[in-house]
Amino acid sequence: MFMFCPTCANLLGVEEGPNCYRFSCSTCPYVYNIAHRQNTRMYPKLKEVDDVLGGAAAWENVDSTEERCPKCSHPRAFFMQIQTRSADEPMTTFYKCCNHQCGHRWRD
């Protein structure tokens, strides 16, 4: 929690006074004694994450290939290629296991 000086608007520092802790200004004589513990927590609202692969609908009309699933060893996997880096870099291949009970996803 930040406190600001009401006279000069500078950030107040915390110092130990004769009887208690207090906020004090470093540029003017303003002092505010702290009677009890003060704390406030504010959590920022996080942005929602977009599915960059297009969600579940992106996997509806894809082809399959002979690629072994590293999780369940199923011999076939769906795949799609997406340009994730700059144009002079190769495309990234994303796989999804054809075994509907597994559905493991990985990339190459």
PDB file of N, CA and C in Angstrom:
ATOM      1  N   MET A   1       0.849  -1.171   0.000  1.00  0.00           N
ATOM      2  CA  MET A   1       0.000   0.000   0.000  1.00  0.00           C
ATOM      3  C   MET A   1       0.894   1.233   0.000  1.00  0.00           C
ATOM      4  N   PHE A   2       0.619   2.161  -0.864  1.00  0.00           N
ATOM      5  CA  PHE A   2       1.384   3.392  -0.940  1.00  0.00           C
ATOM      6  C   PHE A   2       0.571   4.520  -0.328  1.00  0.00           C
ATOM      7  N   MET A   3       1.245   5.339   0.447  1.00  0.00           N
ATOM      8  CA  MET A   3       0.622   6.533   1.018  1.00  0.00           C
ATOM      9  C   MET A   3       1.377   7.737   0.484  1.00  0.00           C
ATOM     10  N   PHE A   4       0.655   8.807   0.210  1.00  0.00           N
ATOM     11  CA  PHE A   4       1.262  10.007  -0.329  1.00  0.00           C
ATOM     12  C   PHE A   4       1.005  11.177   0.605  1.00  0.00           C
ATOM     13  N   CYS A   5       1.959  12.093   0.638  1.00  0.00           N
ATOM     14  CA  CYS A   5       1.884  13.269   1.492  1.00  0.00           C
ATOM     15  C   CYS A   5       0.758  14.187   1.013  1.00  0.00           C
ATOM     16  N   PRO A   6      -0.154  14.611   1.906  1.00  0.00           N
ATOM     17  CA  PRO A   6      -1.253  15.488   1.485  1.00  0.00           C
ATOM     18  C   PRO A   6      -0.802  16.924   1.198  1.00  0.00           C
ATOM     19  N   THR A   7       0.377  17.320   1.641  1.00  0.00           N
ATOM     20  CA  THR A   7       0.829  18.690   1.398  1.00  0.00           C
ATOM     21  C   THR A   7       1.706  18.818   0.151  1.00  0.00           C
ATOM     22  N   CYS A   8       2.610  17.850  -0.079  1.00  0.00           N
ATOM     23  CA  CYS A   8       3.515  17.975  -1.234  1.00  0.00           C
ATOM     24  C   CYS A   8       3.407  16.820  -2.226  1.00  0.00           C
ATOM     25  N   ALA A   9       2.557  15.827  -1.969  1.00  0.00           N
ATOM     26  CA  ALA A   9       2.261  14.697  -2.859  1.00  0.00           C
ATOM     27  C   ALA A   9       3.435  13.753  -3.090  1.00  0.00           C
ATOM     28  N   ASN A  10       4.442  13.762  -2.230  1.00  0.00           N
ATOM     29  CA  ASN A  10       5.546  12.803  -2.330  1.00  0.00           C
ATOM     30  C   ASN A  10       5.174  11.493  -1.657  1.00  0.00           C
ATOM     31  N   LEU A  11       5.841  10.436  -2.047  1.00  0.00           N
ATOM     32  CA  LEU A  11       5.608   9.124  -1.453  1.00  0.00           C
ATOM     33  C   LEU A  11       6.107   9.127  -0.014  1.00  0.00           C
ATOM     34  N   LEU A  12       5.275   8.648   0.902  1.00  0.00           N
ATOM     35  CA  LEU A  12       5.652   8.607   2.308  1.00  0.00           C
ATOM     36  C   LEU A  12       6.452   7.352   2.615  1.00  0.00           C
ATOM     37  N   GLY A  13       7.475   7.497   3.423  1.00  0.00           N
ATOM     38  CA  GLY A  13       8.272   6.369   3.875  1.00  0.00           C
ATOM     39  C   GLY A  13       7.820   5.921   5.249  1.00  0.00           C
ATOM     40  N   VAL A  14       8.200   4.727   5.652  1.00  0.00           N
ATOM     41  CA  VAL A  14       7.843   4.203   6.968  1.00  0.00           C
ATOM     42  C   VAL A  14       9.074   4.304   7.863  1.00  0.00           C
ATOM     43  N   GLU A  15       8.879   4.836   9.052  1.00  0.00           N
ATOM     44  CA  GLU A  15       9.972   4.940  10.023  1.00  0.00           C
ATOM     45  C   GLU A  15       9.448   4.565  11.393  1.00  0.00           C
ATOM     46  N   GLU A  16      10.368   4.244  12.278  1.00  0.00           N
ATOM     47  CA  GLU A  16       9.984   3.888  13.643  1.00  0.00           C
ATOM     48  C   GLU A  16       9.993   5.147  14.484  1.00  0.00           C
ATOM     49  N   GLY A  17       8.834   5.493  15.055  1.00  0.00           N
ATOM     50  CA  GLY A  17       8.704   6.679  15.894  1.00  0.00           C
ATOM     51  C   GLY A  17       8.948   6.327  17.349  1.00  0.00           C
ATOM     52  N   PRO A  18       8.697   7.262  18.247  1.00  0.00           N
ATOM     53  CA  PRO A  18       8.945   6.991  19.670  1.00  0.00           C
ATOM     54  C   PRO A  18       8.011   5.938  20.267  1.00  0.00           C
ATOM     55  N   ASN A  19       6.755   5.873  19.826  1.00  0.00           N
ATOM     56  CA  ASN A  19       5.793   4.921  20.392  1.00  0.00           C
ATOM     57  C   ASN A  19       5.282   3.904  19.381  1.00  0.00           C
ATOM     58  N   CYS A  20       5.420   4.184  18.097  1.00  0.00           N
ATOM     59  CA  CYS A  20       4.859   3.317  17.073  1.00  0.00           C
ATOM     60  C   CYS A  20       5.545   3.608  15.749  1.00  0.00           C
ATOM     61  N   TYR A  21       5.179   2.823  14.748  1.00  0.00           N
ATOM     62  CA  TYR A  21       5.658   3.125  13.397  1.00  0.00           C
ATOM     63  C   TYR A  21       4.828   4.270  12.838  1.00  0.00           C
ATOM     64  N   ARG A  22       5.409   4.988  11.853  1.00  0.00           N
ATOM     65  CA  ARG A  22       4.693   6.109  11.275  1.00  0.00           C
ATOM     66  C   ARG A  22       5.141   6.347   9.843  1.00  0.00           C
ATOM     67  N   PHE A  23       4.218   6.948   9.081  1.00  0.00           N
ATOM     68  CA  PHE A  23       4.555   7.395   7.738  1.00  0.00           C
ATOM     69  C   PHE A  23       5.124   8.792   7.859  1.00  0.00           C
ATOM     70  N   SER A  24       6.206   9.050   7.118  1.00  0.00           N
ATOM     71  CA  SER A  24       6.785  10.387   7.163  1.00  0.00           C
ATOM     72  C   SER A  24       7.221  10.816   5.771  1.00  0.00           C
ATOM     73  N   CYS A  25       7.122  12.110   5.535  1.00  0.00           N
ATOM     74  CA  CYS A  25       7.522  12.685   4.253  1.00  0.00           C
ATOM     75  C   CYS A  25       8.994  13.057   4.322  1.00  0.00           C
ATOM     76  N   SER A  26       9.717  12.808   3.229  1.00  0.00           N
ATOM     77  CA  SER A  26      11.154  13.110   3.214  1.00  0.00           C
ATOM     78  C   SER A  26      11.445  14.559   2.841  1.00  0.00           C
ATOM     79  N   THR A  27      10.459  15.305   2.368  1.00  0.00           N
ATOM     80  CA  THR A  27      10.703  16.685   1.946  1.00  0.00           C
ATOM     81  C   THR A  27      10.017  17.741   2.823  1.00  0.00           C
ATOM     82  N   CYS A  28       8.982  17.356   3.548  1.00  0.00           N
ATOM     83  CA  CYS A  28       8.306  18.312   4.434  1.00  0.00           C
ATOM     84  C   CYS A  28       8.110  17.658   5.806  1.00  0.00           C
ATOM     85  N   PRO A  29       7.672  18.392   6.811  1.00  0.00           N
ATOM     86  CA  PRO A  29       7.567  17.798   8.162  1.00  0.00           C
ATOM     87  C   PRO A  29       6.324  16.949   8.413  1.00  0.00           C
ATOM     88  N   TYR A  30       5.580  16.545   7.402  1.00  0.00           N
ATOM     89  CA  TYR A  30       4.352  15.763   7.593  1.00  0.00           C
ATOM     90  C   TYR A  30       4.676  14.392   8.179  1.00  0.00           C
ATOM     91  N   VAL A  31       3.927  13.992   9.219  1.00  0.00           N
ATOM     92  CA  VAL A  31       4.065  12.681   9.868  1.00  0.00           C
ATOM     93  C   VAL A  31       2.670  12.153  10.160  1.00  0.00           C
ATOM     94  N   TYR A  32       2.439  10.842   9.870  1.00  0.00           N
ATOM     95  CA  TYR A  32       1.165  10.195  10.153  1.00  0.00           C
ATOM     96  C   TYR A  32       1.454   8.935  10.960  1.00  0.00           C
ATOM     97  N   ASN A  33       1.025   8.901  12.215  1.00  0.00           N
ATOM     98  CA  ASN A  33       1.246   7.742  13.082  1.00  0.00           C
ATOM     99  C   ASN A  33       0.341   6.585  12.647  1.00  0.00           C
ATOM    100  N   ILE A  34       0.884   5.382  12.693  1.00  0.00           N
ATOM    101  CA  ILE A  34       0.137   4.189  12.312  1.00  0.00           C
ATOM    102  C   ILE A  34      -0.432   3.571  13.582  1.00  0.00           C
ATOM    103  N   ALA A  35      -1.764   3.611  13.709  1.00  0.00           N
ATOM    104  CA  ALA A  35      -2.421   3.103  14.914  1.00  0.00           C
ATOM    105  C   ALA A  35      -2.581   1.588  14.868  1.00  0.00           C
ATOM    106  N   HIS A  36      -2.850   1.029  13.688  1.00  0.00           N
ATOM    107  CA  HIS A  36      -3.020  -0.417  13.558  1.00  0.00           C
ATOM    108  C   HIS A  36      -2.450  -0.851  12.220  1.00  0.00           C
ATOM    109  N   ARG A  37      -2.274  -2.116  12.060  1.00  0.00           N
ATOM    110  CA  ARG A  37      -1.696  -2.663  10.834  1.00  0.00           C
ATOM    111  C   ARG A  37      -2.614  -2.363   9.641  1.00  0.00           C
ATOM    112  N   GLN A  38      -2.020  -1.865   8.576  1.00  0.00           N
ATOM    113  CA  GLN A  38      -2.779  -1.545   7.377  1.00  0.00           C
ATOM    114  C   GLN A  38      -2.243  -2.388   6.232  1.00  0.00           C
ATOM    115  N   ASN A  39      -3.140  -3.084   5.568  1.00  0.00           N
ATOM    116  CA  ASN A  39      -2.732  -3.821   4.373  1.00  0.00           C
ATOM    117  C   ASN A  39      -3.919  -3.936   3.430  1.00  0.00           C
ATOM    118  N   THR A  40      -3.623  -3.862   2.182  1.00  0.00           N
ATOM    119  CA  THR A  40      -4.629  -3.982   1.140  1.00  0.00           C
ATOM    120  C   THR A  40      -4.029  -4.805   0.022  1.00  0.00           C
ATOM    121  N   ARG A  41      -4.781  -5.762  -0.486  1.00  0.00           N
ATOM    122  CA  ARG A  41      -4.310  -6.566  -1.605  1.00  0.00           C
ATOM    123  C   ARG A  41      -5.245  -6.351  -2.780  1.00  0.00           C
ATOM    124  N   MET A  42      -4.640  -6.075  -3.905  1.00  0.00           N
ATOM    125  CA  MET A  42      -5.404  -5.917  -5.127  1.00  0.00           C
ATOM    126  C   MET A  42      -4.808  -6.871  -6.158  1.00  0.00           C
ATOM    127  N   TYR A  43      -5.638  -7.712  -6.716  1.00  0.00           N
ATOM    128  CA  TYR A  43      -5.185  -8.658  -7.716  1.00  0.00           C
ATOM    129  C   TYR A  43      -5.626  -8.172  -9.097  1.00  0.00           C
ATOM    130  N   PRO A  44      -4.710  -8.089 -10.030  1.00  0.00           N
ATOM    131  CA  PRO A  44      -5.102  -7.618 -11.363  1.00  0.00           C
ATOM    132  C   PRO A  44      -5.968  -8.644 -12.077  1.00  0.00           C
ATOM    133  N   LYS A  45      -6.880  -8.155 -12.898  1.00  0.00           N
ATOM    134  CA  LYS A  45      -7.719  -9.042 -13.682  1.00  0.00           C
ATOM    135  C   LYS A  45      -6.892  -9.536 -14.872  1.00  0.00           C
ATOM    136  N   LEU A  46      -6.784 -10.839 -15.006  1.00  0.00           N
ATOM    137  CA  LEU A  46      -5.996 -11.420 -16.084  1.00  0.00           C
ATOM    138  C   LEU A  46      -6.807 -11.454 -17.367  1.00  0.00           C
ATOM    139  N   LYS A  47      -6.115 -11.251 -18.469  1.00  0.00           N
ATOM    140  CA  LYS A  47      -6.777 -11.310 -19.759  1.00  0.00           C
ATOM    141  C   LYS A  47      -7.120 -12.757 -20.093  1.00  0.00           C
ATOM    142  N   GLU A  48      -8.196 -12.936 -20.836  1.00  0.00           N
ATOM    143  CA  GLU A  48      -8.560 -14.275 -21.269  1.00  0.00           C
ATOM    144  C   GLU A  48      -7.591 -14.729 -22.358  1.00  0.00           C
ATOM    145  N   VAL A  49      -7.239 -15.999 -22.318  1.00  0.00           N
ATOM    146  CA  VAL A  49      -6.291 -16.549 -23.270  1.00  0.00           C
ATOM    147  C   VAL A  49      -7.039 -17.051 -24.497  1.00  0.00           C
ATOM    148  N   ASP A  50      -6.618 -16.605 -25.665  1.00  0.00           N
ATOM    149  CA  ASP A  50      -7.217 -17.076 -26.911  1.00  0.00           C
ATOM    150  C   ASP A  50      -6.543 -18.367 -27.339  1.00  0.00           C
ATOM    151  N   ASP A  51      -7.317 -19.253 -27.931  1.00  0.00           N
ATOM    152  CA  ASP A  51      -6.761 -20.492 -28.468  1.00  0.00           C
ATOM    153  C   ASP A  51      -6.179 -20.186 -29.839  1.00  0.00           C
ATOM    154  N   VAL A  52      -4.855 -20.145 -29.927  1.00  0.00           N
ATOM    155  CA  VAL A  52      -4.198 -19.756 -31.177  1.00  0.00           C
ATOM    156  C   VAL A  52      -4.342 -20.818 -32.259  1.00  0.00           C
ATOM    157  N   LEU A  53      -4.697 -22.039 -31.899  1.00  0.00           N
ATOM    158  CA  LEU A  53      -4.862 -23.091 -32.890  1.00  0.00           C
ATOM    159  C   LEU A  53      -6.288 -23.168 -33.434  1.00  0.00           C
ATOM    160  N   GLY A  54      -7.172 -22.300 -32.955  1.00  0.00           N
ATOM    161  CA  GLY A  54      -8.522 -22.286 -33.489  1.00  0.00           C
ATOM    162  C   GLY A  54      -9.524 -23.095 -32.698  1.00  0.00           C
ATOM    163  N   GLY A  55      -9.158 -23.660 -31.579  1.00  0.00           N
ATOM    164  CA  GLY A  55     -10.083 -24.420 -30.741  1.00  0.00           C
ATOM    165  C   GLY A  55     -10.381 -25.808 -31.301  1.00  0.00           C
ATOM    166  N   ALA A  56     -11.460 -26.411 -30.830  1.00  0.00           N
ATOM    167  CA  ALA A  56     -11.832 -27.765 -31.248  1.00  0.00           C
ATOM    168  C   ALA A  56     -12.247 -27.814 -32.709  1.00  0.00           C
ATOM    169  N   ALA A  57     -12.783 -26.720 -33.243  1.00  0.00           N
ATOM    170  CA  ALA A  57     -13.241 -26.696 -34.633  1.00  0.00           C
ATOM    171  C   ALA A  57     -12.087 -26.802 -35.625  1.00  0.00           C
ATOM    172  N   ALA A  58     -10.885 -26.429 -35.207  1.00  0.00           N
ATOM    173  CA  ALA A  58      -9.730 -26.489 -36.105  1.00  0.00           C
ATOM    174  C   ALA A  58      -9.347 -27.932 -36.430  1.00  0.00           C
ATOM    175  N   TRP A  59      -9.701 -28.878 -35.575  1.00  0.00           N
ATOM    176  CA  TRP A  59      -9.324 -30.282 -35.772  1.00  0.00           C
ATOM    177  C   TRP A  59     -10.399 -31.071 -36.525  1.00  0.00           C
ATOM    178  N   GLU A  60     -11.493 -30.431 -36.963  1.00  0.00           N
ATOM    179  CA  GLU A  60     -12.593 -31.165 -37.600  1.00  0.00           C
ATOM    180  C   GLU A  60     -12.249 -31.703 -38.987  1.00  0.00           C
ATOM    181  N   ASN A  61     -11.603 -30.941 -39.818  1.00  0.00           N
ATOM    182  CA  ASN A  61     -11.349 -31.347 -41.205  1.00  0.00           C
ATOM    183  C   ASN A  61      -9.854 -31.492 -41.495  1.00  0.00           C
ATOM    184  N   VAL A  62      -9.144 -32.185 -40.623  1.00  0.00           N
ATOM    185  CA  VAL A  62      -7.709 -32.375 -40.826  1.00  0.00           C
ATOM    186  C   VAL A  62      -7.426 -33.802 -41.289  1.00  0.00           C
ATOM    187  N   ASP A  63      -6.277 -34.004 -41.902  1.00  0.00           N
ATOM    188  CA  ASP A  63      -5.878 -35.328 -42.367  1.00  0.00           C
ATOM    189  C   ASP A  63      -5.156 -36.080 -41.259  1.00  0.00           C
ATOM    190  N   SER A  64      -5.008 -37.383 -41.457  1.00  0.00           N
ATOM    191  CA  SER A  64      -4.247 -38.197 -40.511  1.00  0.00           C
ATOM    192  C   SER A  64      -3.031 -38.767 -41.215  1.00  0.00           C
ATOM    193  N   THR A  65      -2.046 -39.151 -40.434  1.00  0.00           N
ATOM    194  CA  THR A  65      -0.806 -39.690 -40.966  1.00  0.00           C
ATOM    195  C   THR A  65      -0.295 -40.777 -40.041  1.00  0.00           C
ATOM    196  N   GLU A  66       0.715 -41.498 -40.501  1.00  0.00           N
ATOM    197  CA  GLU A  66       1.316 -42.542 -39.669  1.00  0.00           C
ATOM    198  C   GLU A  66       2.343 -41.899 -38.745  1.00  0.00           C
ATOM    199  N   GLU A  67       1.889 -41.516 -37.589  1.00  0.00           N
ATOM    200  CA  GLU A  67       2.744 -40.933 -36.555  1.00  0.00           C
ATOM    201  C   GLU A  67       2.331 -41.566 -35.238  1.00  0.00           C
ATOM    202  N   ARG A  68       3.273 -42.184 -34.537  1.00  0.00           N
ATOM    203  CA  ARG A  68       2.974 -42.913 -33.308  1.00  0.00           C
ATOM    204  C   ARG A  68       2.803 -41.933 -32.150  1.00  0.00           C
ATOM    205  N   CYS A  69       1.712 -42.111 -31.397  1.00  0.00           N
ATOM    206  CA  CYS A  69       1.429 -41.274 -30.234  1.00  0.00           C
ATOM    207  C   CYS A  69       2.438 -41.588 -29.130  1.00  0.00           C
ATOM    208  N   PRO A  70       3.117 -40.586 -28.566  1.00  0.00           N
ATOM    209  CA  PRO A  70       4.081 -40.860 -27.499  1.00  0.00           C
ATOM    210  C   PRO A  70       3.431 -41.269 -26.182  1.00  0.00           C
ATOM    211  N   LYS A  71       2.117 -41.059 -26.050  1.00  0.00           N
ATOM    212  CA  LYS A  71       1.445 -41.393 -24.796  1.00  0.00           C
ATOM    213  C   LYS A  71       0.854 -42.801 -24.806  1.00  0.00           C
ATOM    214  N   CYS A  72       0.089 -43.140 -25.882  1.00  0.00           N
ATOM    215  CA  CYS A  72      -0.604 -44.438 -25.893  1.00  0.00           C
ATOM    216  C   CYS A  72      -0.094 -45.377 -26.991  1.00  0.00           C
ATOM    217  N   SER A  73       0.855 -44.941 -27.796  1.00  0.00           N
ATOM    218  CA  SER A  73       1.459 -45.726 -28.881  1.00  0.00           C
ATOM    219  C   SER A  73       0.494 -46.070 -30.005  1.00  0.00           C
ATOM    220  N   HIS A  74      -0.589 -45.324 -30.154  1.00  0.00           N
ATOM    221  CA  HIS A  74      -1.499 -45.519 -31.281  1.00  0.00           C
ATOM    222  C   HIS A  74      -0.737 -45.173 -32.563  1.00  0.00           C
ATOM    223  N   PRO A  75      -0.889 -45.950 -33.636  1.00  0.00           N
ATOM    224  CA  PRO A  75      -0.052 -45.744 -34.827  1.00  0.00           C
ATOM    225  C   PRO A  75      -0.424 -44.542 -35.703  1.00  0.00           C
ATOM    226  N   ARG A  76      -1.601 -43.923 -35.518  1.00  0.00           N
ATOM    227  CA  ARG A  76      -1.988 -42.813 -36.389  1.00  0.00           C
ATOM    228  C   ARG A  76      -2.313 -41.560 -35.572  1.00  0.00           C
ATOM    229  N   ALA A  77      -2.122 -40.413 -36.223  1.00  0.00           N
ATOM    230  CA  ALA A  77      -2.413 -39.139 -35.572  1.00  0.00           C
ATOM    231  C   ALA A  77      -2.920 -38.145 -36.610  1.00  0.00           C
ATOM    232  N   PHE A  78      -3.830 -37.268 -36.182  1.00  0.00           N
ATOM    233  CA  PHE A  78      -4.254 -36.151 -37.012  1.00  0.00           C
ATOM    234  C   PHE A  78      -3.133 -35.124 -36.984  1.00  0.00           C
ATOM    235  N   PHE A  79      -3.016 -34.328 -38.046  1.00  0.00           N
ATOM    236  CA  PHE A  79      -1.984 -33.303 -38.045  1.00  0.00           C
ATOM    237  C   PHE A  79      -2.446 -32.054 -38.779  1.00  0.00           C
ATOM    238  N   MET A  80      -1.838 -30.931 -38.414  1.00  0.00           N
ATOM    239  CA  MET A  80      -2.012 -29.684 -39.150  1.00  0.00           C
ATOM    240  C   MET A  80      -0.724 -28.881 -39.004  1.00  0.00           C
ATOM    241  N   GLN A  81      -0.437 -28.082 -40.020  1.00  0.00           N
ATOM    242  CA  GLN A  81       0.773 -27.277 -40.022  1.00  0.00           C
ATOM    243  C   GLN A  81       0.396 -25.803 -39.968  1.00  0.00           C
ATOM    244  N   ILE A  82       1.084 -25.073 -39.084  1.00  0.00           N
ATOM    245  CA  ILE A  82       0.819 -23.652 -38.890  1.00  0.00           C
ATOM    246  C   ILE A  82       2.142 -22.907 -38.897  1.00  0.00           C
ATOM    247  N   GLN A  83       2.160 -21.745 -39.538  1.00  0.00           N
ATOM    248  CA  GLN A  83       3.355 -20.896 -39.550  1.00  0.00           C
ATOM    249  C   GLN A  83       3.375 -20.121 -38.233  1.00  0.00           C
ATOM    250  N   THR A  84       4.201 -20.566 -37.283  1.00  0.00           N
ATOM    251  CA  THR A  84       4.247 -19.932 -35.969  1.00  0.00           C
ATOM    252  C   THR A  84       5.387 -18.937 -35.841  1.00  0.00           C
ATOM    253  N   ARG A  85       6.393 -19.043 -36.683  1.00  0.00           N
ATOM    254  CA  ARG A  85       7.537 -18.131 -36.631  1.00  0.00           C
ATOM    255  C   ARG A  85       7.543 -17.267 -37.888  1.00  0.00           C
ATOM    256  N   SER A  86       8.661 -16.636 -38.161  1.00  0.00           N
ATOM    257  CA  SER A  86       8.740 -15.779 -39.343  1.00  0.00           C
ATOM    258  C   SER A  86       8.680 -16.627 -40.616  1.00  0.00           C
ATOM    259  N   ALA A  87       8.487 -15.969 -41.736  1.00  0.00           N
ATOM    260  CA  ALA A  87       8.250 -16.671 -43.002  1.00  0.00           C
ATOM    261  C   ALA A  87       9.450 -17.484 -43.471  1.00  0.00           C
ATOM    262  N   ASP A  88      10.653 -17.122 -43.047  1.00  0.00           N
ATOM    263  CA  ASP A  88      11.822 -17.882 -43.497  1.00  0.00           C
ATOM    264  C   ASP A  88      12.102 -19.110 -42.635  1.00  0.00           C
ATOM    265  N   GLU A  89      11.301 -19.344 -41.597  1.00  0.00           N
ATOM    266  CA  GLU A  89      11.425 -20.525 -40.740  1.00  0.00           C
ATOM    267  C   GLU A  89      10.430 -21.588 -41.211  1.00  0.00           C
ATOM    268  N   PRO A  90      10.727 -22.868 -40.961  1.00  0.00           N
ATOM    269  CA  PRO A  90       9.779 -23.914 -41.374  1.00  0.00           C
ATOM    270  C   PRO A  90       8.495 -23.871 -40.544  1.00  0.00           C
ATOM    271  N   MET A  91       7.432 -24.456 -41.102  1.00  0.00           N
ATOM    272  CA  MET A  91       6.149 -24.506 -40.409  1.00  0.00           C
ATOM    273  C   MET A  91       6.221 -25.493 -39.241  1.00  0.00           C
ATOM    274  N   THR A  92       5.394 -25.267 -38.223  1.00  0.00           N
ATOM    275  CA  THR A  92       5.316 -26.159 -37.072  1.00  0.00           C
ATOM    276  C   THR A  92       4.180 -27.143 -37.312  1.00  0.00           C
ATOM    277  N   THR A  93       4.445 -28.440 -37.110  1.00  0.00           N
ATOM    278  CA  THR A  93       3.431 -29.473 -37.292  1.00  0.00           C
ATOM    279  C   THR A  93       2.860 -29.848 -35.923  1.00  0.00           C
ATOM    280  N   PHE A  94       1.544 -29.750 -35.800  1.00  0.00           N
ATOM    281  CA  PHE A  94       0.847 -30.120 -34.575  1.00  0.00           C
ATOM    282  C   PHE A  94       0.126 -31.433 -34.815  1.00  0.00           C
ATOM    283  N   TYR A  95       0.213 -32.354 -33.830  1.00  0.00           N
ATOM    284  CA  TYR A  95      -0.412 -33.673 -33.936  1.00  0.00           C
ATOM    285  C   TYR A  95      -1.439 -33.856 -32.830  1.00  0.00           C
ATOM    286  N   LYS A  96      -2.454 -34.661 -33.139  1.00  0.00           N
ATOM    287  CA  LYS A  96      -3.459 -35.072 -32.147  1.00  0.00           C
ATOM    288  C   LYS A  96      -3.716 -36.551 -32.368  1.00  0.00           C
ATOM    289  N   CYS A  97      -3.631 -37.332 -31.319  1.00  0.00           N
ATOM    290  CA  CYS A  97      -3.794 -38.783 -31.406  1.00  0.00           C
ATOM    291  C   CYS A  97      -5.173 -39.139 -31.962  1.00  0.00           C
ATOM    292  N   CYS A  98      -5.213 -40.098 -32.893  1.00  0.00           N
ATOM    293  CA  CYS A  98      -6.480 -40.558 -33.488  1.00  0.00           C
ATOM    294  C   CYS A  98      -7.304 -41.387 -32.510  1.00  0.00           C
ATOM    295  N   ASN A  99      -6.674 -41.917 -31.479  1.00  0.00           N
ATOM    296  CA  ASN A  99      -7.386 -42.676 -30.458  1.00  0.00           C
ATOM    297  C   ASN A  99      -8.238 -41.690 -29.650  1.00  0.00           C
ATOM    298  N   HIS A 100      -9.566 -41.769 -29.777  1.00  0.00           N
ATOM    299  CA  HIS A 100     -10.457 -40.797 -29.142  1.00  0.00           C
ATOM    300  C   HIS A 100     -10.389 -40.857 -27.625  1.00  0.00           C
ATOM    301  N   GLN A 101     -10.000 -42.005 -27.072  1.00  0.00           N
ATOM    302  CA  GLN A 101      -9.878 -42.111 -25.625  1.00  0.00           C
ATOM    303  C   GLN A 101      -8.622 -41.400 -25.127  1.00  0.00           C
ATOM    304  N   CYS A 102      -7.621 -41.279 -25.982  1.00  0.00           N
ATOM    305  CA  CYS A 102      -6.367 -40.622 -25.609  1.00  0.00           C
ATOM    306  C   CYS A 102      -6.433 -39.134 -25.909  1.00  0.00           C
ATOM    307  N   GLY A 103      -6.469 -38.769 -27.192  1.00  0.00           N
ATOM    308  CA  GLY A 103      -6.552 -37.380 -27.605  1.00  0.00           C
ATOM    309  C   GLY A 103      -5.329 -36.537 -27.279  1.00  0.00           C
ATOM    310  N   HIS A 104      -4.198 -37.193 -27.033  1.00  0.00           N
ATOM    311  CA  HIS A 104      -2.960 -36.475 -26.682  1.00  0.00           C
ATOM    312  C   HIS A 104      -2.532 -35.557 -27.828  1.00  0.00           C
ATOM    313  N   ARG A 105      -2.037 -34.352 -27.489  1.00  0.00           N
ATOM    314  CA  ARG A 105      -1.559 -33.400 -28.502  1.00  0.00           C
ATOM    315  C   ARG A 105      -0.080 -33.135 -28.285  1.00  0.00           C
ATOM    316  N   TRP A 106       0.643 -33.035 -29.384  1.00  0.00           N
ATOM    317  CA  TRP A 106       2.065 -32.699 -29.336  1.00  0.00           C
ATOM    318  C   TRP A 106       2.442 -32.003 -30.623  1.00  0.00           C
ATOM    319  N   ARG A 107       3.662 -31.483 -30.661  1.00  0.00           N
ATOM    320  CA  ARG A 107       4.117 -30.799 -31.877  1.00  0.00           C
ATOM    321  C   ARG A 107       5.494 -31.287 -32.248  1.00  0.00           C
ATOM    322  N   ASP A 108       5.821 -31.046 -33.502  1.00  0.00           N
ATOM    323  CA  ASP A 108       7.121 -31.479 -34.022  1.00  0.00           C
ATOM    324  C   ASP A 108       7.828 -30.299 -34.639  1.00  0.00           C
TER     325      ASP A 108
END
